[in-house]
Amino acid sequence: SYATILRNSFKRQEALLEEFSRIEKLSADELKLDIKRYHIEDVVDYALDILDDKHENITCQLTPVELNVDFELFATAIKNLLDNALKHTTERIEVDLCADSISVCSYGEKIPKERLDFSRAFNRAMEGASSGLGLGLYIANAIVAKHGFELSYLHAEGQNYFTIHFRPKEVEKNSPR
């Protein structure tokens, strides 16, 4: 029913605003990251647990990787990338984890360039119910950046790839392959 859809929409917005508040506190150094070594597969599992939507459409290809991260915050970043993918595809979503990155891949339209500035919330020229506010991607990007990682976007062969690179691109360019 319409009331249920509205109620769920308000719940999601409330959760995003709580995450946004936490990110702003991190940015203002009022809150510190609780960095410990974790298996990223455990972080992904937790992200799936806190994802409101059904996640039977999500397939995970996980290589065992350990990283120093803030467990809850990093799971929130992954959850937001998954939530974004679920909103914009009707196909299966794939999470690929390898030694130096984790990608959330989904079929969908290429995201317009003006919507790809994740460094600011509410960065759209035109807001609408179908396009969202960009808050989830802003939060994911802020968490990723706080960890010293990088979030990138690529559209290829009808798929959107949001990738968290565990090492900055500058390091990757200089490292032998």
N, C-alpha and C. Protein backbone atom coordinates (compact mmCIF):
# COMPACT_ATOMS: atom_id res chain seq x y z
N SER A 1 0.83 -1.19 0.00
CA SER A 1 0.00 0.00 0.00
C SER A 1 0.88 1.26 0.00
N TYR A 2 0.27 2.36 -0.34
CA TYR A 2 0.97 3.63 -0.41
C TYR A 2 1.52 4.04 0.96
N ALA A 3 0.77 3.77 2.02
CA ALA A 3 1.20 4.12 3.38
C ALA A 3 2.46 3.33 3.76
N THR A 4 2.52 2.06 3.37
CA THR A 4 3.70 1.23 3.65
C THR A 4 4.92 1.75 2.90
N ILE A 5 4.73 2.08 1.63
CA ILE A 5 5.82 2.63 0.82
C ILE A 5 6.34 3.92 1.44
N LEU A 6 5.43 4.78 1.85
CA LEU A 6 5.80 6.05 2.47
C LEU A 6 6.53 5.82 3.79
N ARG A 7 6.02 4.91 4.60
CA ARG A 7 6.64 4.60 5.89
C ARG A 7 8.07 4.08 5.69
N ASN A 8 8.25 3.16 4.72
CA ASN A 8 9.58 2.61 4.43
C ASN A 8 10.53 3.68 3.91
N SER A 9 10.00 4.59 3.10
CA SER A 9 10.80 5.68 2.58
C SER A 9 11.29 6.58 3.70
N PHE A 10 10.42 6.90 4.64
CA PHE A 10 10.81 7.74 5.78
C PHE A 10 11.83 7.02 6.67
N LYS A 11 11.66 5.70 6.86
CA LYS A 11 12.63 4.92 7.65
C LYS A 11 14.01 4.98 7.01
N ARG A 12 14.05 4.80 5.69
CA ARG A 12 15.33 4.83 4.98
C ARG A 12 15.97 6.20 5.08
N GLN A 13 15.18 7.25 4.92
CA GLN A 13 15.72 8.62 5.03
C GLN A 13 16.22 8.90 6.44
N GLU A 14 15.50 8.42 7.44
CA GLU A 14 15.93 8.62 8.82
C GLU A 14 17.27 7.92 9.09
N ALA A 15 17.41 6.69 8.58
CA ALA A 15 18.66 5.95 8.74
C ALA A 15 19.81 6.67 8.04
N LEU A 16 19.55 7.17 6.83
CA LEU A 16 20.59 7.91 6.10
C LEU A 16 20.98 9.19 6.82
N LEU A 17 20.01 9.87 7.40
CA LEU A 17 20.33 11.11 8.14
C LEU A 17 21.16 10.81 9.39
N GLU A 18 20.89 9.68 10.04
CA GLU A 18 21.71 9.28 11.20
C GLU A 18 23.14 8.99 10.74
N GLU A 19 23.29 8.30 9.61
CA GLU A 19 24.62 8.02 9.06
C GLU A 19 25.31 9.32 8.67
N PHE A 20 24.56 10.23 8.06
CA PHE A 20 25.09 11.54 7.64
C PHE A 20 25.61 12.31 8.86
N SER A 21 24.87 12.29 9.94
CA SER A 21 25.27 12.97 11.17
C SER A 21 26.58 12.38 11.70
N ARG A 22 26.69 11.07 11.64
CA ARG A 22 27.91 10.40 12.11
C ARG A 22 29.11 10.78 11.25
N ILE A 23 28.90 10.87 9.94
CA ILE A 23 29.98 11.26 9.02
C ILE A 23 30.42 12.69 9.28
N GLU A 24 29.46 13.56 9.53
CA GLU A 24 29.81 14.96 9.82
C GLU A 24 30.62 15.06 11.11
N LYS A 25 30.29 14.23 12.11
CA LYS A 25 31.07 14.21 13.36
C LYS A 25 32.48 13.70 13.10
N LEU A 26 32.61 12.69 12.23
CA LEU A 26 33.93 12.19 11.86
C LEU A 26 34.74 13.28 11.17
N SER A 27 34.11 13.99 10.26
CA SER A 27 34.77 15.07 9.52
C SER A 27 35.24 16.17 10.45
N ALA A 28 34.47 16.43 11.50
CA ALA A 28 34.81 17.49 12.46
C ALA A 28 35.72 16.96 13.57
N ASP A 29 36.19 15.73 13.43
CA ASP A 29 37.04 15.08 14.43
C ASP A 29 36.41 14.99 15.81
N GLU A 30 35.07 14.95 15.85
CA GLU A 30 34.35 14.74 17.11
C GLU A 30 34.20 13.24 17.38
N LEU A 31 34.44 12.45 16.37
CA LEU A 31 34.29 11.01 16.45
C LEU A 31 35.52 10.39 15.79
N LYS A 32 36.06 9.36 16.38
CA LYS A 32 37.26 8.70 15.84
C LYS A 32 36.89 7.34 15.26
N LEU A 33 37.62 6.93 14.24
CA LEU A 33 37.45 5.60 13.69
C LEU A 33 37.95 4.56 14.69
N ASP A 34 37.24 3.45 14.80
CA ASP A 34 37.66 2.34 15.66
C ASP A 34 38.26 1.27 14.75
N ILE A 35 39.51 1.49 14.35
CA ILE A 35 40.18 0.64 13.37
C ILE A 35 40.75 -0.62 14.02
N LYS A 36 40.36 -1.75 13.46
CA LYS A 36 40.89 -3.05 13.87
C LYS A 36 41.00 -3.92 12.62
N ARG A 37 41.71 -5.02 12.72
CA ARG A 37 41.88 -5.92 11.58
C ARG A 37 40.68 -6.88 11.51
N TYR A 38 40.04 -6.91 10.34
CA TYR A 38 38.87 -7.77 10.13
C TYR A 38 38.97 -8.50 8.81
N HIS A 39 38.31 -9.65 8.76
CA HIS A 39 38.09 -10.32 7.48
C HIS A 39 36.98 -9.53 6.78
N ILE A 40 37.26 -9.07 5.57
CA ILE A 40 36.27 -8.24 4.87
C ILE A 40 35.00 -9.03 4.58
N GLU A 41 35.11 -10.36 4.45
CA GLU A 41 33.90 -11.17 4.24
C GLU A 41 32.92 -10.98 5.40
N ASP A 42 33.44 -10.83 6.63
CA ASP A 42 32.58 -10.61 7.79
C ASP A 42 31.91 -9.24 7.72
N VAL A 43 32.65 -8.26 7.22
CA VAL A 43 32.10 -6.90 7.06
C VAL A 43 30.98 -6.93 6.01
N VAL A 44 31.20 -7.64 4.91
CA VAL A 44 30.18 -7.76 3.85
C VAL A 44 28.95 -8.48 4.40
N ASP A 45 29.15 -9.55 5.16
CA ASP A 45 28.01 -10.26 5.77
C ASP A 45 27.19 -9.33 6.65
N TYR A 46 27.87 -8.51 7.44
CA TYR A 46 27.17 -7.57 8.31
C TYR A 46 26.42 -6.52 7.47
N ALA A 47 27.05 -6.05 6.39
CA ALA A 47 26.39 -5.09 5.50
C ALA A 47 25.10 -5.69 4.94
N LEU A 48 25.14 -6.96 4.57
CA LEU A 48 23.93 -7.63 4.06
C LEU A 48 22.87 -7.74 5.16
N ASP A 49 23.31 -7.97 6.39
CA ASP A 49 22.37 -8.07 7.51
C ASP A 49 21.65 -6.74 7.77
N ILE A 50 22.37 -5.62 7.65
CA ILE A 50 21.74 -4.32 7.95
C ILE A 50 21.02 -3.71 6.75
N LEU A 51 21.12 -4.38 5.61
CA LEU A 51 20.42 -3.93 4.41
C LEU A 51 18.94 -4.25 4.57
N ASP A 52 18.10 -3.24 4.47
CA ASP A 52 16.66 -3.45 4.67
C ASP A 52 16.03 -4.31 3.59
N ASP A 53 16.44 -4.08 2.35
CA ASP A 53 15.81 -4.77 1.23
C ASP A 53 16.21 -6.24 1.21
N LYS A 54 15.46 -7.00 0.44
CA LYS A 54 15.78 -8.41 0.27
C LYS A 54 17.14 -8.51 -0.41
N HIS A 55 17.96 -9.45 0.02
CA HIS A 55 19.25 -9.58 -0.64
C HIS A 55 19.47 -10.94 -1.29
N GLU A 56 18.38 -11.59 -1.68
CA GLU A 56 18.60 -12.84 -2.39
C GLU A 56 19.05 -12.58 -3.83
N ASN A 57 18.97 -11.32 -4.30
CA ASN A 57 19.46 -10.97 -5.63
C ASN A 57 20.93 -10.57 -5.62
N ILE A 58 21.61 -10.80 -4.51
CA ILE A 58 23.02 -10.40 -4.40
C ILE A 58 23.88 -11.65 -4.32
N THR A 59 24.86 -11.73 -5.22
CA THR A 59 25.81 -12.83 -5.25
C THR A 59 27.17 -12.27 -4.83
N CYS A 60 27.86 -12.99 -3.98
CA CYS A 60 29.17 -12.53 -3.50
C CYS A 60 30.27 -13.49 -3.93
N GLN A 61 31.30 -12.92 -4.55
CA GLN A 61 32.53 -13.65 -4.90
C GLN A 61 33.60 -13.08 -3.98
N LEU A 62 33.87 -13.75 -2.88
CA LEU A 62 34.74 -13.17 -1.87
C LEU A 62 36.05 -13.93 -1.73
N THR A 63 37.13 -13.22 -1.98
CA THR A 63 38.48 -13.73 -1.73
C THR A 63 38.80 -13.40 -0.28
N PRO A 64 39.37 -14.34 0.48
CA PRO A 64 39.70 -14.00 1.88
C PRO A 64 40.71 -12.85 1.95
N VAL A 65 40.28 -11.75 2.52
CA VAL A 65 41.12 -10.56 2.64
C VAL A 65 40.93 -9.99 4.04
N GLU A 66 42.02 -9.60 4.67
CA GLU A 66 41.94 -8.91 5.95
C GLU A 66 42.35 -7.46 5.74
N LEU A 67 41.61 -6.55 6.39
CA LEU A 67 41.88 -5.12 6.26
C LEU A 67 41.71 -4.46 7.61
N ASN A 68 42.41 -3.36 7.79
CA ASN A 68 42.22 -2.53 8.99
C ASN A 68 41.13 -1.52 8.70
N VAL A 69 39.96 -1.73 9.31
CA VAL A 69 38.81 -0.85 9.08
C VAL A 69 38.02 -0.66 10.37
N ASP A 70 37.16 0.35 10.37
CA ASP A 70 36.14 0.50 11.40
C ASP A 70 34.98 -0.39 10.94
N PHE A 71 34.74 -1.48 11.65
CA PHE A 71 33.80 -2.52 11.21
C PHE A 71 32.43 -1.95 10.83
N GLU A 72 31.80 -1.23 11.77
CA GLU A 72 30.44 -0.73 11.53
C GLU A 72 30.40 0.29 10.40
N LEU A 73 31.35 1.23 10.41
CA LEU A 73 31.34 2.26 9.38
C LEU A 73 31.61 1.68 7.99
N PHE A 74 32.58 0.78 7.89
CA PHE A 74 32.89 0.22 6.58
C PHE A 74 31.72 -0.63 6.08
N ALA A 75 31.05 -1.34 6.98
CA ALA A 75 29.86 -2.10 6.60
C ALA A 75 28.77 -1.15 6.11
N THR A 76 28.66 0.02 6.73
CA THR A 76 27.67 1.02 6.31
C THR A 76 27.97 1.49 4.90
N ALA A 77 29.24 1.70 4.57
CA ALA A 77 29.62 2.12 3.21
C ALA A 77 29.21 1.06 2.20
N ILE A 78 29.51 -0.20 2.49
CA ILE A 78 29.15 -1.29 1.58
C ILE A 78 27.63 -1.41 1.48
N LYS A 79 26.94 -1.30 2.61
CA LYS A 79 25.47 -1.36 2.61
C LYS A 79 24.89 -0.27 1.72
N ASN A 80 25.44 0.93 1.78
CA ASN A 80 24.93 2.03 0.95
C ASN A 80 25.18 1.78 -0.53
N LEU A 81 26.32 1.19 -0.89
CA LEU A 81 26.58 0.85 -2.29
C LEU A 81 25.61 -0.23 -2.77
N LEU A 82 25.34 -1.21 -1.91
CA LEU A 82 24.37 -2.27 -2.24
C LEU A 82 22.96 -1.70 -2.38
N ASP A 83 22.59 -0.84 -1.45
CA ASP A 83 21.26 -0.21 -1.48
C ASP A 83 21.08 0.59 -2.77
N ASN A 84 22.11 1.32 -3.15
CA ASN A 84 22.07 2.11 -4.38
C ASN A 84 21.90 1.18 -5.59
N ALA A 85 22.64 0.08 -5.62
CA ALA A 85 22.54 -0.87 -6.73
C ALA A 85 21.15 -1.50 -6.79
N LEU A 86 20.60 -1.87 -5.64
CA LEU A 86 19.26 -2.47 -5.59
C LEU A 86 18.19 -1.52 -6.13
N LYS A 87 18.36 -0.23 -5.85
CA LYS A 87 17.37 0.75 -6.29
C LYS A 87 17.37 0.95 -7.80
N HIS A 88 18.50 0.66 -8.44
CA HIS A 88 18.65 1.01 -9.85
C HIS A 88 18.83 -0.17 -10.79
N THR A 89 18.47 -1.37 -10.33
CA THR A 89 18.54 -2.54 -11.22
C THR A 89 17.41 -3.50 -10.89
N THR A 90 17.08 -4.31 -11.88
CA THR A 90 16.12 -5.40 -11.65
C THR A 90 16.83 -6.74 -11.77
N GLU A 91 18.11 -6.68 -12.08
CA GLU A 91 18.94 -7.88 -12.26
C GLU A 91 19.65 -8.23 -10.96
N ARG A 92 20.44 -9.29 -11.03
CA ARG A 92 21.28 -9.69 -9.90
C ARG A 92 22.39 -8.68 -9.70
N ILE A 93 22.82 -8.54 -8.46
CA ILE A 93 23.93 -7.68 -8.10
C ILE A 93 25.07 -8.59 -7.68
N GLU A 94 26.27 -8.25 -8.09
CA GLU A 94 27.42 -9.06 -7.72
C GLU A 94 28.40 -8.24 -6.90
N VAL A 95 28.87 -8.83 -5.82
CA VAL A 95 29.91 -8.21 -5.00
C VAL A 95 31.17 -9.02 -5.24
N ASP A 96 32.21 -8.36 -5.74
CA ASP A 96 33.48 -9.02 -6.02
C ASP A 96 34.54 -8.46 -5.11
N LEU A 97 35.17 -9.33 -4.35
CA LEU A 97 36.23 -8.93 -3.43
C LEU A 97 37.53 -9.59 -3.86
N CYS A 98 38.56 -8.77 -4.08
CA CYS A 98 39.88 -9.33 -4.37
C CYS A 98 40.88 -8.65 -3.42
N ALA A 99 42.15 -8.90 -3.59
CA ALA A 99 43.16 -8.45 -2.63
C ALA A 99 43.22 -6.93 -2.48
N ASP A 100 42.94 -6.18 -3.56
CA ASP A 100 43.12 -4.73 -3.47
C ASP A 100 41.85 -3.91 -3.68
N SER A 101 40.68 -4.58 -3.79
CA SER A 101 39.45 -3.82 -3.99
C SER A 101 38.21 -4.68 -3.73
N ILE A 102 37.10 -3.97 -3.59
CA ILE A 102 35.79 -4.63 -3.53
C ILE A 102 34.87 -3.84 -4.46
N SER A 103 34.14 -4.55 -5.32
CA SER A 103 33.26 -3.91 -6.29
C SER A 103 31.82 -4.38 -6.11
N VAL A 104 30.90 -3.44 -6.29
CA VAL A 104 29.47 -3.74 -6.34
C VAL A 104 29.06 -3.49 -7.78
N CYS A 105 28.64 -4.57 -8.48
CA CYS A 105 28.33 -4.52 -9.90
C CYS A 105 26.85 -4.80 -10.12
N SER A 106 26.22 -3.96 -10.96
CA SER A 106 24.81 -4.16 -11.26
C SER A 106 24.50 -3.64 -12.65
N TYR A 107 23.54 -4.30 -13.32
CA TYR A 107 23.11 -3.82 -14.63
C TYR A 107 22.26 -2.58 -14.45
N GLY A 108 22.46 -1.60 -15.33
CA GLY A 108 21.66 -0.39 -15.26
C GLY A 108 22.18 0.67 -16.20
N GLU A 109 21.42 1.75 -16.27
CA GLU A 109 21.79 2.89 -17.10
C GLU A 109 23.07 3.53 -16.57
N LYS A 110 23.84 4.10 -17.48
CA LYS A 110 25.04 4.84 -17.06
C LYS A 110 24.59 6.04 -16.24
N ILE A 111 25.28 6.29 -15.15
CA ILE A 111 24.95 7.41 -14.28
C ILE A 111 25.50 8.69 -14.92
N PRO A 112 24.65 9.72 -15.08
CA PRO A 112 25.12 10.97 -15.69
C PRO A 112 26.26 11.59 -14.88
N LYS A 113 27.18 12.22 -15.61
CA LYS A 113 28.38 12.79 -15.00
C LYS A 113 28.06 13.74 -13.85
N GLU A 114 27.01 14.54 -13.99
CA GLU A 114 26.67 15.53 -12.95
C GLU A 114 26.20 14.88 -11.65
N ARG A 115 25.89 13.60 -11.70
CA ARG A 115 25.47 12.89 -10.48
C ARG A 115 26.62 12.13 -9.82
N LEU A 116 27.83 12.26 -10.36
CA LEU A 116 28.95 11.46 -9.88
C LEU A 116 29.90 12.19 -8.94
N ASP A 117 29.51 13.36 -8.44
CA ASP A 117 30.34 14.04 -7.45
C ASP A 117 29.90 13.56 -6.08
N PHE A 118 30.61 12.54 -5.56
CA PHE A 118 30.23 11.93 -4.28
C PHE A 118 30.81 12.71 -3.11
N SER A 119 31.59 13.75 -3.39
CA SER A 119 32.22 14.49 -2.30
C SER A 119 31.25 15.47 -1.64
N ARG A 120 30.07 15.64 -2.23
CA ARG A 120 29.07 16.53 -1.64
C ARG A 120 27.72 15.81 -1.60
N ALA A 121 26.99 16.05 -0.54
CA ALA A 121 25.61 15.53 -0.47
C ALA A 121 24.71 16.51 -1.20
N PHE A 122 23.58 16.06 -1.67
CA PHE A 122 22.59 16.91 -2.32
C PHE A 122 23.21 17.69 -3.48
N ASN A 123 23.96 17.00 -4.34
CA ASN A 123 24.69 17.68 -5.40
C ASN A 123 23.96 17.71 -6.73
N ARG A 124 22.73 17.37 -6.76
CA ARG A 124 22.00 17.28 -8.01
C ARG A 124 21.42 18.63 -8.42
N ALA A 125 21.44 18.89 -9.71
CA ALA A 125 20.78 20.08 -10.25
C ALA A 125 19.27 19.90 -10.13
N MET A 126 18.82 18.66 -10.35
CA MET A 126 17.39 18.38 -10.25
C MET A 126 17.19 17.20 -9.32
N GLU A 127 16.46 17.40 -8.25
CA GLU A 127 16.14 16.31 -7.32
C GLU A 127 14.80 15.73 -7.71
N GLY A 128 14.63 14.46 -7.46
CA GLY A 128 13.35 13.84 -7.74
C GLY A 128 13.23 12.54 -7.00
N ALA A 129 12.02 12.08 -6.84
CA ALA A 129 11.79 10.84 -6.11
C ALA A 129 12.49 9.66 -6.76
N SER A 130 12.61 9.71 -8.09
CA SER A 130 13.22 8.58 -8.78
C SER A 130 14.74 8.62 -8.73
N SER A 131 15.32 9.80 -8.55
CA SER A 131 16.78 9.88 -8.60
C SER A 131 17.43 9.89 -7.22
N GLY A 132 16.70 10.19 -6.19
CA GLY A 132 17.27 10.22 -4.85
C GLY A 132 18.10 11.46 -4.61
N LEU A 133 18.65 11.57 -3.41
CA LEU A 133 19.40 12.76 -3.01
C LEU A 133 20.90 12.57 -3.11
N GLY A 134 21.36 11.37 -3.33
CA GLY A 134 22.79 11.13 -3.38
C GLY A 134 23.43 10.99 -2.02
N LEU A 135 22.62 10.95 -0.99
CA LEU A 135 23.13 10.89 0.38
C LEU A 135 23.86 9.58 0.65
N GLY A 136 23.33 8.46 0.19
CA GLY A 136 23.96 7.16 0.41
C GLY A 136 25.35 7.08 -0.20
N LEU A 137 25.50 7.57 -1.43
CA LEU A 137 26.81 7.55 -2.09
C LEU A 137 27.77 8.54 -1.43
N TYR A 138 27.24 9.68 -1.00
CA TYR A 138 28.08 10.65 -0.28
C TYR A 138 28.63 10.02 1.00
N ILE A 139 27.76 9.36 1.74
CA ILE A 139 28.16 8.71 3.01
C ILE A 139 29.19 7.61 2.73
N ALA A 140 28.92 6.77 1.73
CA ALA A 140 29.87 5.70 1.38
C ALA A 140 31.23 6.30 1.01
N ASN A 141 31.23 7.34 0.18
CA ASN A 141 32.48 7.97 -0.24
C ASN A 141 33.23 8.57 0.96
N ALA A 142 32.51 9.23 1.85
CA ALA A 142 33.14 9.85 3.02
C ALA A 142 33.79 8.79 3.92
N ILE A 143 33.11 7.66 4.11
CA ILE A 143 33.67 6.58 4.93
C ILE A 143 34.91 6.00 4.26
N VAL A 144 34.80 5.75 2.97
CA VAL A 144 35.93 5.19 2.21
C VAL A 144 37.13 6.13 2.29
N ALA A 145 36.90 7.43 2.10
CA ALA A 145 37.99 8.42 2.15
C ALA A 145 38.61 8.50 3.54
N LYS A 146 37.78 8.43 4.60
CA LYS A 146 38.29 8.47 5.97
C LYS A 146 39.23 7.30 6.25
N HIS A 147 39.02 6.18 5.56
CA HIS A 147 39.88 5.01 5.71
C HIS A 147 41.14 5.11 4.85
N GLY A 148 41.24 6.17 4.04
CA GLY A 148 42.40 6.31 3.16
C GLY A 148 42.26 5.52 1.87
N PHE A 149 41.03 5.06 1.57
CA PHE A 149 40.77 4.31 0.36
C PHE A 149 40.12 5.25 -0.67
N GLU A 150 39.77 4.69 -1.83
CA GLU A 150 39.17 5.50 -2.88
C GLU A 150 37.97 4.79 -3.48
N LEU A 151 36.90 5.54 -3.75
CA LEU A 151 35.70 5.01 -4.40
C LEU A 151 35.71 5.48 -5.85
N SER A 152 35.54 4.54 -6.77
CA SER A 152 35.47 4.92 -8.19
C SER A 152 34.21 4.35 -8.81
N TYR A 153 33.85 4.91 -9.98
CA TYR A 153 32.68 4.46 -10.73
C TYR A 153 33.09 4.19 -12.17
N LEU A 154 32.55 3.10 -12.72
CA LEU A 154 32.79 2.75 -14.11
C LEU A 154 31.50 2.16 -14.67
N HIS A 155 31.18 2.52 -15.91
CA HIS A 155 30.05 1.90 -16.61
C HIS A 155 30.62 1.17 -17.82
N ALA A 156 30.41 -0.13 -17.90
CA ALA A 156 30.92 -0.92 -19.02
C ALA A 156 29.96 -2.06 -19.32
N GLU A 157 29.69 -2.28 -20.61
CA GLU A 157 28.83 -3.37 -21.08
C GLU A 157 27.50 -3.43 -20.33
N GLY A 158 26.90 -2.26 -20.11
CA GLY A 158 25.58 -2.19 -19.47
C GLY A 158 25.59 -2.35 -17.97
N GLN A 159 26.79 -2.38 -17.37
CA GLN A 159 26.88 -2.55 -15.92
C GLN A 159 27.52 -1.33 -15.25
N ASN A 160 27.02 -1.05 -14.04
CA ASN A 160 27.62 -0.03 -13.18
C ASN A 160 28.52 -0.74 -12.18
N TYR A 161 29.75 -0.24 -12.06
CA TYR A 161 30.71 -0.80 -11.11
C TYR A 161 31.11 0.29 -10.13
N PHE A 162 30.78 0.12 -8.87
CA PHE A 162 31.27 0.99 -7.81
C PHE A 162 32.35 0.19 -7.09
N THR A 163 33.58 0.71 -7.11
CA THR A 163 34.71 -0.03 -6.57
C THR A 163 35.41 0.76 -5.48
N ILE A 164 35.64 0.09 -4.35
CA ILE A 164 36.45 0.66 -3.28
C ILE A 164 37.85 0.09 -3.46
N HIS A 165 38.81 0.97 -3.75
CA HIS A 165 40.20 0.57 -3.92
C HIS A 165 40.88 0.71 -2.57
N PHE A 166 41.46 -0.39 -2.08
CA PHE A 166 42.07 -0.38 -0.76
C PHE A 166 43.37 0.41 -0.74
N ARG A 167 43.99 0.59 -1.90
CA ARG A 167 45.18 1.44 -2.00
C ARG A 167 44.87 2.58 -2.92
N PRO A 168 45.36 3.77 -2.63
CA PRO A 168 45.10 4.90 -3.54
C PRO A 168 45.63 4.59 -4.93
N LYS A 169 44.97 5.18 -5.95
CA LYS A 169 45.36 4.93 -7.34
C LYS A 169 46.80 5.32 -7.62
N GLU A 170 47.31 6.36 -6.97
CA GLU A 170 48.69 6.80 -7.20
C GLU A 170 49.65 5.65 -6.88
N VAL A 171 49.39 4.93 -5.80
CA VAL A 171 50.24 3.81 -5.40
C VAL A 171 50.12 2.70 -6.44
N GLU A 172 48.88 2.42 -6.89
CA GLU A 172 48.67 1.35 -7.85
C GLU A 172 49.39 1.64 -9.17
N LYS A 173 49.38 2.90 -9.62
CA LYS A 173 50.02 3.26 -10.89
C LYS A 173 51.51 2.98 -10.84
N ASN A 174 52.13 3.19 -9.68
CA ASN A 174 53.58 3.02 -9.56
C ASN A 174 53.99 1.60 -9.21
N SER A 175 53.06 0.75 -8.84
CA SER A 175 53.43 -0.60 -8.44
C SER A 175 53.53 -1.50 -9.68
N PRO A 176 54.48 -2.41 -9.69
CA PRO A 176 54.61 -3.31 -10.85
C PRO A 176 53.43 -4.27 -10.92
N ARG A 177 53.04 -4.64 -12.07
CA ARG A 177 51.91 -5.56 -12.26
C ARG A 177 52.43 -6.89 -12.75
